[in-house]
Amino acid sequence: MKHINSIILVIIIALFTSCSKDGDVNFFTVKDDVAFGAQLDSTILADPNEYPILNEAQNQEVYKYVRDIMNRVLQSNEILYKEEFKWQVRVIDKNVLNAFAAPGGYLYFYTGFLKYCRSEAEFAGVMAHEIAHADRRHSTETLTKVYGIQILLSILMGQNPSQLEQIVAVLATNGAALSFSRKHEYQADEYSLRYLNSIKQIRNYHPTAIIDFFDHMKEDSLTTPNGSFEFLRTHPYDDNRKANIDKIWKSLGSPTGNRFEAEHAAIVAKLN
């Protein structure tokens, strides 16, 4: 009987497991990514004390700015799930240096993060990086590894709704960020550059401005108390990663572009 149950489990897993458009195997389906992201978003909206969403009516220019950048990146021909995901961005009104992407195309940036970036190109580079995490379905791949197939299978079969609520709550409580593998971080870096390089006719961002961002964040983290740089904790940055970004940049033909520092400073001024 135990052997038969194992066979049944393998068959069910095979039925529920999906292949991403990039060929990676993911236990979640694309619809599951969207549903999970929606539940996570609802959890965040339900906790305004921990996640105070910046008032859009009073900050229309800020929201236009971040949405315009997102929509430009999404015009890249490298995006896999442009139509399938519910791409949206929220700004959390808290002086925290963090940003994260939830499954299904839900993006979150703290006002502290916006203020910390020194140029629009830096912010666009990180935005593209987070879009890559969502579009390459890194979050749900990581969830499968962390929580195991059987628990996630029970959630997808509707047998364990409380477990899903717990996972959503844990993710939200911890900044909704997962510590991605080195492979995922390198891939998100790669596609950040590819996305920005492919939209140069729309907005000519310097594709390696993300290196500027990581360099000064890493430098500042050495002289600032621990815990101030949550983004760096969940997106570890070292010389190997920097060299990999440089390698990708050169493989694209070493494209250049603008950083749009004044444009970003104008938006940051509206947050002060």
C-alpha atoms as a PDB file:
ATOM      1  CA  MET A   1       0.000   0.000   0.000  1.00  0.00           C
ATOM      2  CA  LYS A   2       2.846   2.391   0.845  1.00  0.00           C
ATOM      3  CA  HIS A   3       4.423   1.630  -2.540  1.00  0.00           C
ATOM      4  CA  ILE A   4       1.119   2.313  -4.326  1.00  0.00           C
ATOM      5  CA  ASN A   5       0.695   5.616  -2.488  1.00  0.00           C
ATOM      6  CA  SER A   6       4.202   6.640  -3.541  1.00  0.00           C
ATOM      7  CA  ILE A   7       3.386   5.877  -7.172  1.00  0.00           C
ATOM      8  CA  ILE A   8       0.160   7.900  -6.923  1.00  0.00           C
ATOM      9  CA  LEU A   9       2.094  10.803  -5.385  1.00  0.00           C
ATOM     10  CA  VAL A  10       4.645  10.745  -8.210  1.00  0.00           C
ATOM     11  CA  ILE A  11       1.819  10.769 -10.802  1.00  0.00           C
ATOM     12  CA  ILE A  12       0.082  13.700  -9.082  1.00  0.00           C
ATOM     13  CA  ILE A  13       3.359  15.622  -8.837  1.00  0.00           C
ATOM     14  CA  ALA A  14       3.952  15.051 -12.538  1.00  0.00           C
ATOM     15  CA  LEU A  15       0.497  16.428 -13.315  1.00  0.00           C
ATOM     16  CA  PHE A  16       0.953  19.541 -11.216  1.00  0.00           C
ATOM     17  CA  THR A  17       4.559  20.280 -12.104  1.00  0.00           C
ATOM     18  CA  SER A  18       4.972  22.755 -14.959  1.00  0.00           C
ATOM     19  CA  CYS A  19       7.838  23.823 -17.188  1.00  0.00           C
ATOM     20  CA  SER A  20       8.624  27.516 -17.442  1.00  0.00           C
ATOM     21  CA  LYS A  21       9.020  29.096 -20.858  1.00  0.00           C
ATOM     22  CA  ASP A  22      12.764  29.132 -20.250  1.00  0.00           C
ATOM     23  CA  GLY A  23      12.748  25.352 -19.774  1.00  0.00           C
ATOM     24  CA  ASP A  24      13.175  25.271 -15.971  1.00  0.00           C
ATOM     25  CA  VAL A  25      10.910  22.909 -14.026  1.00  0.00           C
ATOM     26  CA  ASN A  26       8.679  24.628 -11.480  1.00  0.00           C
ATOM     27  CA  PHE A  27       6.213  22.876  -9.184  1.00  0.00           C
ATOM     28  CA  PHE A  28       3.857  25.872  -9.427  1.00  0.00           C
ATOM     29  CA  THR A  29       1.913  26.562 -12.611  1.00  0.00           C
ATOM     30  CA  VAL A  30       1.914  30.104 -14.014  1.00  0.00           C
ATOM     31  CA  LYS A  31      -1.638  30.549 -12.673  1.00  0.00           C
ATOM     32  CA  ASP A  32      -0.388  29.434  -9.253  1.00  0.00           C
ATOM     33  CA  ASP A  33       2.289  32.138  -9.377  1.00  0.00           C
ATOM     34  CA  VAL A  34      -0.389  34.756 -10.021  1.00  0.00           C
ATOM     35  CA  ALA A  35      -2.709  33.405  -7.303  1.00  0.00           C
ATOM     36  CA  PHE A  36       0.073  33.209  -4.729  1.00  0.00           C
ATOM     37  CA  GLY A  37       1.238  36.733  -5.549  1.00  0.00           C
ATOM     38  CA  ALA A  38      -2.317  38.041  -5.196  1.00  0.00           C
ATOM     39  CA  GLN A  39      -2.633  36.478  -1.734  1.00  0.00           C
ATOM     40  CA  LEU A  40       0.698  37.923  -0.681  1.00  0.00           C
ATOM     41  CA  ASP A  41      -0.385  41.336  -1.961  1.00  0.00           C
ATOM     42  CA  SER A  42      -3.626  41.086   0.000  1.00  0.00           C
ATOM     43  CA  THR A  43      -1.661  40.261   3.144  1.00  0.00           C
ATOM     44  CA  ILE A  44       0.496  43.340   2.687  1.00  0.00           C
ATOM     45  CA  LEU A  45      -2.505  45.602   2.063  1.00  0.00           C
ATOM     46  CA  ALA A  46      -4.206  44.214   5.162  1.00  0.00           C
ATOM     47  CA  ASP A  47      -1.315  45.336   7.396  1.00  0.00           C
ATOM     48  CA  PRO A  48      -0.891  49.113   6.921  1.00  0.00           C
ATOM     49  CA  ASN A  49       1.027  49.476  10.168  1.00  0.00           C
ATOM     50  CA  GLU A  50       3.843  47.261   8.915  1.00  0.00           C
ATOM     51  CA  TYR A  51       3.400  48.096   5.226  1.00  0.00           C
ATOM     52  CA  PRO A  52       2.028  51.655   4.898  1.00  0.00           C
ATOM     53  CA  ILE A  53       1.354  52.070   1.180  1.00  0.00           C
ATOM     54  CA  LEU A  54       2.294  55.530  -0.101  1.00  0.00           C
ATOM     55  CA  ASN A  55      -0.860  57.519  -0.773  1.00  0.00           C
ATOM     56  CA  GLU A  56      -1.233  57.601  -4.547  1.00  0.00           C
ATOM     57  CA  ALA A  57      -3.630  60.551  -4.717  1.00  0.00           C
ATOM     58  CA  GLN A  58      -1.046  62.702  -2.934  1.00  0.00           C
ATOM     59  CA  ASN A  59       1.956  61.273  -4.810  1.00  0.00           C
ATOM     60  CA  GLN A  60       0.799  60.916  -8.392  1.00  0.00           C
ATOM     61  CA  GLU A  61       4.153  61.940  -9.896  1.00  0.00           C
ATOM     62  CA  VAL A  62       6.012  59.346  -7.835  1.00  0.00           C
ATOM     63  CA  TYR A  63       3.682  56.565  -8.925  1.00  0.00           C
ATOM     64  CA  LYS A  64       3.815  57.693 -12.551  1.00  0.00           C
ATOM     65  CA  TYR A  65       7.604  57.601 -12.345  1.00  0.00           C
ATOM     66  CA  VAL A  66       7.870  54.053 -11.006  1.00  0.00           C
ATOM     67  CA  ARG A  67       5.100  52.730 -13.260  1.00  0.00           C
ATOM     68  CA  ASP A  68       6.626  54.308 -16.346  1.00  0.00           C
ATOM     69  CA  ILE A  69       9.923  52.576 -15.588  1.00  0.00           C
ATOM     70  CA  MET A  70       8.168  49.247 -15.033  1.00  0.00           C
ATOM     71  CA  ASN A  71       6.158  49.574 -18.234  1.00  0.00           C
ATOM     72  CA  ARG A  72       9.269  50.450 -20.242  1.00  0.00           C
ATOM     73  CA  VAL A  73      11.090  47.372 -18.990  1.00  0.00           C
ATOM     74  CA  LEU A  74       8.055  45.224 -19.782  1.00  0.00           C
ATOM     75  CA  GLN A  75       8.325  46.270 -23.414  1.00  0.00           C
ATOM     76  CA  SER A  76      11.504  44.210 -23.690  1.00  0.00           C
ATOM     77  CA  ASN A  77      11.185  41.264 -26.045  1.00  0.00           C
ATOM     78  CA  GLU A  78      13.009  39.223 -23.380  1.00  0.00           C
ATOM     79  CA  ILE A  79       9.979  39.203 -21.025  1.00  0.00           C
ATOM     80  CA  LEU A  80       8.361  35.751 -20.904  1.00  0.00           C
ATOM     81  CA  TYR A  81       5.106  36.401 -19.034  1.00  0.00           C
ATOM     82  CA  LYS A  82       4.166  39.936 -20.035  1.00  0.00           C
ATOM     83  CA  GLU A  83       0.530  38.989 -20.637  1.00  0.00           C
ATOM     84  CA  GLU A  84       0.108  36.183 -18.110  1.00  0.00           C
ATOM     85  CA  PHE A  85       1.311  38.038 -14.991  1.00  0.00           C
ATOM     86  CA  LYS A  86      -0.494  40.858 -13.161  1.00  0.00           C
ATOM     87  CA  TRP A  87       2.345  43.346 -13.372  1.00  0.00           C
ATOM     88  CA  GLN A  88       1.910  46.088 -10.802  1.00  0.00           C
ATOM     89  CA  VAL A  89       4.115  48.115  -8.484  1.00  0.00           C
ATOM     90  CA  ARG A  90       3.430  49.463  -5.002  1.00  0.00           C
ATOM     91  CA  VAL A  91       5.461  51.982  -3.022  1.00  0.00           C
ATOM     92  CA  ILE A  92       5.737  51.327   0.715  1.00  0.00           C
ATOM     93  CA  ASP A  93       6.098  54.564   2.680  1.00  0.00           C
ATOM     94  CA  LYS A  94       8.876  53.534   5.023  1.00  0.00           C
ATOM     95  CA  ASN A  95      12.516  54.569   5.243  1.00  0.00           C
ATOM     96  CA  VAL A  96      13.782  51.054   4.567  1.00  0.00           C
ATOM     97  CA  LEU A  97      16.450  50.115   2.003  1.00  0.00           C
ATOM     98  CA  ASN A  98      14.594  47.233   0.442  1.00  0.00           C
ATOM     99  CA  ALA A  99      12.654  46.134  -2.616  1.00  0.00           C
ATOM    100  CA  PHE A 100      11.199  42.788  -3.596  1.00  0.00           C
ATOM    101  CA  ALA A 101       9.170  40.951  -6.210  1.00  0.00           C
ATOM    102  CA  ALA A 102       6.376  38.513  -5.431  1.00  0.00           C
ATOM    103  CA  PRO A 103       5.288  35.711  -7.776  1.00  0.00           C
ATOM    104  CA  GLY A 104       2.988  36.737 -10.597  1.00  0.00           C
ATOM    105  CA  GLY A 105       4.531  40.148 -11.241  1.00  0.00           C
ATOM    106  CA  TYR A 106       3.839  42.017  -7.981  1.00  0.00           C
ATOM    107  CA  LEU A 107       6.645  44.521  -7.270  1.00  0.00           C
ATOM    108  CA  TYR A 108       7.311  46.509  -4.082  1.00  0.00           C
ATOM    109  CA  PHE A 109       9.727  49.365  -3.424  1.00  0.00           C
ATOM    110  CA  TYR A 110      10.189  51.220  -0.151  1.00  0.00           C
ATOM    111  CA  THR A 111      10.480  55.012  -0.226  1.00  0.00           C
ATOM    112  CA  GLY A 112      13.816  54.594   1.556  1.00  0.00           C
ATOM    113  CA  PHE A 113      15.015  52.574  -1.413  1.00  0.00           C
ATOM    114  CA  LEU A 114      13.896  55.215  -3.906  1.00  0.00           C
ATOM    115  CA  LYS A 115      15.717  57.887  -1.919  1.00  0.00           C
ATOM    116  CA  TYR A 116      18.879  55.809  -1.748  1.00  0.00           C
ATOM    117  CA  CYS A 117      19.229  55.307  -5.510  1.00  0.00           C
ATOM    118  CA  ARG A 118      21.346  58.043  -7.081  1.00  0.00           C
ATOM    119  CA  SER A 119      19.937  57.913 -10.598  1.00  0.00           C
ATOM    120  CA  GLU A 120      16.962  56.746 -12.624  1.00  0.00           C
ATOM    121  CA  ALA A 121      19.223  54.246 -14.383  1.00  0.00           C
ATOM    122  CA  GLU A 122      20.175  52.699 -11.021  1.00  0.00           C
ATOM    123  CA  PHE A 123      16.543  52.395 -10.039  1.00  0.00           C
ATOM    124  CA  ALA A 124      15.623  51.015 -13.478  1.00  0.00           C
ATOM    125  CA  GLY A 125      18.433  48.456 -13.196  1.00  0.00           C
ATOM    126  CA  VAL A 126      17.132  47.196  -9.854  1.00  0.00           C
ATOM    127  CA  MET A 127      13.535  47.319 -11.117  1.00  0.00           C
ATOM    128  CA  ALA A 128      14.593  45.182 -14.088  1.00  0.00           C
ATOM    129  CA  HIS A 129      16.401  42.819 -11.699  1.00  0.00           C
ATOM    130  CA  GLU A 130      13.233  42.348  -9.620  1.00  0.00           C
ATOM    131  CA  ILE A 131      11.133  41.906 -12.752  1.00  0.00           C
ATOM    132  CA  ALA A 132      13.548  39.157 -13.795  1.00  0.00           C
ATOM    133  CA  HIS A 133      13.072  37.378 -10.454  1.00  0.00           C
ATOM    134  CA  ALA A 134       9.315  37.331 -11.060  1.00  0.00           C
ATOM    135  CA  ASP A 135       9.435  36.635 -14.793  1.00  0.00           C
ATOM    136  CA  ARG A 136      11.948  33.782 -14.394  1.00  0.00           C
ATOM    137  CA  ARG A 137       9.743  32.428 -11.587  1.00  0.00           C
ATOM    138  CA  HIS A 138      12.550  32.331  -9.020  1.00  0.00           C
ATOM    139  CA  SER A 139      10.273  32.865  -5.994  1.00  0.00           C
ATOM    140  CA  THR A 140       8.138  29.785  -6.516  1.00  0.00           C
ATOM    141  CA  GLU A 141      11.165  27.667  -7.405  1.00  0.00           C
ATOM    142  CA  THR A 142      12.698  28.693  -4.078  1.00  0.00           C
ATOM    143  CA  LEU A 143       9.449  28.055  -2.182  1.00  0.00           C
ATOM    144  CA  THR A 144       9.417  24.509  -3.518  1.00  0.00           C
ATOM    145  CA  LYS A 145      12.915  23.938  -2.159  1.00  0.00           C
ATOM    146  CA  VAL A 146      12.189  25.556   1.219  1.00  0.00           C
ATOM    147  CA  TYR A 147       8.773  24.039   1.991  1.00  0.00           C
ATOM    148  CA  GLY A 148       8.939  20.780   0.058  1.00  0.00           C
ATOM    149  CA  ILE A 149       6.783  19.278  -2.663  1.00  0.00           C
ATOM    150  CA  GLN A 150       4.258  17.492  -0.432  1.00  0.00           C
ATOM    151  CA  ILE A 151       3.284  20.625   1.519  1.00  0.00           C
ATOM    152  CA  LEU A 152       2.909  22.668  -1.651  1.00  0.00           C
ATOM    153  CA  LEU A 153       1.029  19.828  -3.310  1.00  0.00           C
ATOM    154  CA  SER A 154      -1.496  19.806  -0.468  1.00  0.00           C
ATOM    155  CA  ILE A 155      -1.935  23.571  -0.900  1.00  0.00           C
ATOM    156  CA  LEU A 156      -2.512  23.298  -4.641  1.00  0.00           C
ATOM    157  CA  MET A 157      -5.046  20.497  -4.066  1.00  0.00           C
ATOM    158  CA  GLY A 158      -6.950  22.693  -1.622  1.00  0.00           C
ATOM    159  CA  GLN A 159      -6.263  20.400   1.334  1.00  0.00           C
ATOM    160  CA  ASN A 160      -4.126  22.764   3.398  1.00  0.00           C
ATOM    161  CA  PRO A 161      -5.327  26.391   3.126  1.00  0.00           C
ATOM    162  CA  SER A 162      -4.006  27.273   6.579  1.00  0.00           C
ATOM    163  CA  GLN A 163      -0.482  26.351   5.476  1.00  0.00           C
ATOM    164  CA  LEU A 164      -0.701  28.752   2.542  1.00  0.00           C
ATOM    165  CA  GLU A 165      -1.887  31.510   4.875  1.00  0.00           C
ATOM    166  CA  GLN A 166       1.057  30.784   7.158  1.00  0.00           C
ATOM    167  CA  ILE A 167       3.558  30.894   4.284  1.00  0.00           C
ATOM    168  CA  VAL A 168       2.134  34.196   3.073  1.00  0.00           C
ATOM    169  CA  ALA A 169       2.284  35.634   6.599  1.00  0.00           C
ATOM    170  CA  VAL A 170       5.884  34.488   7.127  1.00  0.00           C
ATOM    171  CA  LEU A 171       7.002  35.947   3.799  1.00  0.00           C
ATOM    172  CA  ALA A 172       5.258  39.249   4.489  1.00  0.00           C
ATOM    173  CA  THR A 173       6.612  39.486   8.034  1.00  0.00           C
ATOM    174  CA  ASN A 174      10.149  39.013   6.770  1.00  0.00           C
ATOM    175  CA  GLY A 175       9.906  41.646   4.057  1.00  0.00           C
ATOM    176  CA  ALA A 176       8.381  39.192   1.603  1.00  0.00           C
ATOM    177  CA  ALA A 177      11.869  38.449   0.332  1.00  0.00           C
ATOM    178  CA  LEU A 178      13.475  35.113  -0.297  1.00  0.00           C
ATOM    179  CA  SER A 179      17.216  34.572  -0.225  1.00  0.00           C
ATOM    180  CA  PHE A 180      17.739  33.590  -3.828  1.00  0.00           C
ATOM    181  CA  SER A 181      20.433  31.199  -4.944  1.00  0.00           C
ATOM    182  CA  ARG A 182      23.573  32.440  -6.660  1.00  0.00           C
ATOM    183  CA  LYS A 183      22.180  31.058  -9.927  1.00  0.00           C
ATOM    184  CA  HIS A 184      19.004  33.101  -9.533  1.00  0.00           C
ATOM    185  CA  GLU A 185      20.886  36.270  -8.612  1.00  0.00           C
ATOM    186  CA  TYR A 186      23.232  35.931 -11.581  1.00  0.00           C
ATOM    187  CA  GLN A 187      20.295  35.262 -13.897  1.00  0.00           C
ATOM    188  CA  ALA A 188      18.375  38.288 -12.594  1.00  0.00           C
ATOM    189  CA  ASP A 189      21.479  40.425 -13.144  1.00  0.00           C
ATOM    190  CA  GLU A 190      21.841  39.086 -16.668  1.00  0.00           C
ATOM    191  CA  TYR A 191      18.270  39.848 -17.623  1.00  0.00           C
ATOM    192  CA  SER A 192      18.388  43.255 -15.977  1.00  0.00           C
ATOM    193  CA  LEU A 193      21.086  44.150 -18.488  1.00  0.00           C
ATOM    194  CA  ARG A 194      19.290  42.422 -21.360  1.00  0.00           C
ATOM    195  CA  TYR A 195      15.991  44.142 -20.604  1.00  0.00           C
ATOM    196  CA  LEU A 196      17.527  47.618 -20.433  1.00  0.00           C
ATOM    197  CA  ASN A 197      19.669  47.046 -23.512  1.00  0.00           C
ATOM    198  CA  SER A 198      16.628  45.934 -25.518  1.00  0.00           C
ATOM    199  CA  ILE A 199      14.592  49.073 -24.720  1.00  0.00           C
ATOM    200  CA  LYS A 200      17.277  51.642 -25.550  1.00  0.00           C
ATOM    201  CA  GLN A 201      15.112  53.144 -28.285  1.00  0.00           C
ATOM    202  CA  ILE A 202      12.478  53.874 -25.637  1.00  0.00           C
ATOM    203  CA  ARG A 203      14.767  55.074 -22.838  1.00  0.00           C
ATOM    204  CA  ASN A 204      18.551  54.917 -23.171  1.00  0.00           C
ATOM    205  CA  TYR A 205      19.551  53.691 -19.707  1.00  0.00           C
ATOM    206  CA  HIS A 206      23.160  52.798 -19.040  1.00  0.00           C
ATOM    207  CA  PRO A 207      22.664  49.044 -18.463  1.00  0.00           C
ATOM    208  CA  THR A 208      25.437  48.662 -15.874  1.00  0.00           C
ATOM    209  CA  ALA A 209      24.158  51.405 -13.558  1.00  0.00           C
ATOM    210  CA  ILE A 210      23.086  48.557 -11.293  1.00  0.00           C
ATOM    211  CA  ILE A 211      26.792  48.091 -10.519  1.00  0.00           C
ATOM    212  CA  ASP A 212      26.922  51.699  -9.281  1.00  0.00           C
ATOM    213  CA  PHE A 213      24.003  50.935  -6.987  1.00  0.00           C
ATOM    214  CA  PHE A 214      25.510  47.767  -5.521  1.00  0.00           C
ATOM    215  CA  ASP A 215      28.967  49.328  -5.168  1.00  0.00           C
ATOM    216  CA  HIS A 216      27.868  52.280  -3.068  1.00  0.00           C
ATOM    217  CA  MET A 217      25.396  50.165  -1.067  1.00  0.00           C
ATOM    218  CA  LYS A 218      28.138  47.670  -0.235  1.00  0.00           C
ATOM    219  CA  GLU A 219      30.530  50.483   0.702  1.00  0.00           C
ATOM    220  CA  ASP A 220      27.961  52.183   2.920  1.00  0.00           C
ATOM    221  CA  SER A 221      27.041  48.886   4.589  1.00  0.00           C
ATOM    222  CA  LEU A 222      30.576  48.615   5.974  1.00  0.00           C
ATOM    223  CA  THR A 223      30.147  51.758   8.071  1.00  0.00           C
ATOM    224  CA  THR A 224      26.447  51.464   8.916  1.00  0.00           C
ATOM    225  CA  PRO A 225      24.911  49.298  11.687  1.00  0.00           C
ATOM    226  CA  ASN A 226      23.769  45.824  10.675  1.00  0.00           C
ATOM    227  CA  GLY A 227      20.183  45.544   9.508  1.00  0.00           C
ATOM    228  CA  SER A 228      20.095  48.807   7.607  1.00  0.00           C
ATOM    229  CA  PHE A 229      20.662  47.213   4.222  1.00  0.00           C
ATOM    230  CA  GLU A 230      18.007  44.512   3.961  1.00  0.00           C
ATOM    231  CA  PHE A 231      18.269  44.442   0.171  1.00  0.00           C
ATOM    232  CA  LEU A 232      21.965  43.581   0.360  1.00  0.00           C
ATOM    233  CA  ARG A 233      21.260  40.769   2.823  1.00  0.00           C
ATOM    234  CA  THR A 234      18.798  39.078   0.478  1.00  0.00           C
ATOM    235  CA  HIS A 235      20.803  39.951  -2.664  1.00  0.00           C
ATOM    236  CA  PRO A 236      24.444  39.297  -1.637  1.00  0.00           C
ATOM    237  CA  TYR A 237      26.975  41.121  -3.796  1.00  0.00           C
ATOM    238  CA  ASP A 238      30.637  40.264  -4.238  1.00  0.00           C
ATOM    239  CA  ASP A 239      33.472  40.671  -6.750  1.00  0.00           C
ATOM    240  CA  ASN A 240      32.439  37.512  -8.629  1.00  0.00           C
ATOM    241  CA  ARG A 241      28.960  38.856  -9.161  1.00  0.00           C
ATOM    242  CA  LYS A 242      30.332  42.204 -10.304  1.00  0.00           C
ATOM    243  CA  ALA A 243      32.667  40.445 -12.736  1.00  0.00           C
ATOM    244  CA  ASN A 244      29.747  38.405 -14.066  1.00  0.00           C
ATOM    245  CA  ILE A 245      27.720  41.577 -14.736  1.00  0.00           C
ATOM    246  CA  ASP A 246      30.714  43.055 -16.543  1.00  0.00           C
ATOM    247  CA  LYS A 247      31.068  39.881 -18.624  1.00  0.00           C
ATOM    248  CA  ILE A 248      27.415  40.028 -19.681  1.00  0.00           C
ATOM    249  CA  TRP A 249      27.747  43.729 -20.517  1.00  0.00           C
ATOM    250  CA  LYS A 250      30.726  43.022 -22.769  1.00  0.00           C
ATOM    251  CA  SER A 251      28.882  40.126 -24.435  1.00  0.00           C
ATOM    252  CA  LEU A 252      26.158  42.629 -25.385  1.00  0.00           C
ATOM    253  CA  GLY A 253      28.744  44.829 -27.075  1.00  0.00           C
ATOM    254  CA  SER A 254      29.551  47.100 -24.088  1.00  0.00           C
ATOM    255  CA  PRO A 255      26.528  49.381 -24.673  1.00  0.00           C
ATOM    256  CA  THR A 256      26.457  52.767 -22.995  1.00  0.00           C
ATOM    257  CA  GLY A 257      23.626  55.072 -22.041  1.00  0.00           C
ATOM    258  CA  ASN A 258      22.460  57.782 -19.664  1.00  0.00           C
ATOM    259  CA  ARG A 259      21.947  57.717 -15.917  1.00  0.00           C
ATOM    260  CA  PHE A 260      19.262  60.453 -15.660  1.00  0.00           C
ATOM    261  CA  GLU A 261      20.417  61.661 -12.252  1.00  0.00           C
ATOM    262  CA  ALA A 262      18.506  64.958 -12.311  1.00  0.00           C
ATOM    263  CA  GLU A 263      15.238  63.235 -13.210  1.00  0.00           C
ATOM    264  CA  HIS A 264      15.567  60.870 -10.265  1.00  0.00           C
ATOM    265  CA  ALA A 265      16.544  63.649  -7.869  1.00  0.00           C
ATOM    266  CA  ALA A 266      13.380  65.541  -8.826  1.00  0.00           C
ATOM    267  CA  ILE A 267      11.237  62.580  -7.770  1.00  0.00           C
ATOM    268  CA  VAL A 268      13.180  61.982  -4.561  1.00  0.00           C
ATOM    269  CA  ALA A 269      12.647  65.645  -3.633  1.00  0.00           C
ATOM    270  CA  LYS A 270       8.895  65.007  -3.639  1.00  0.00           C
ATOM    271  CA  LEU A 271       9.345  62.295  -1.001  1.00  0.00           C
ATOM    272  CA  ASN A 272      11.226  64.480   1.484  1.00  0.00           C
END
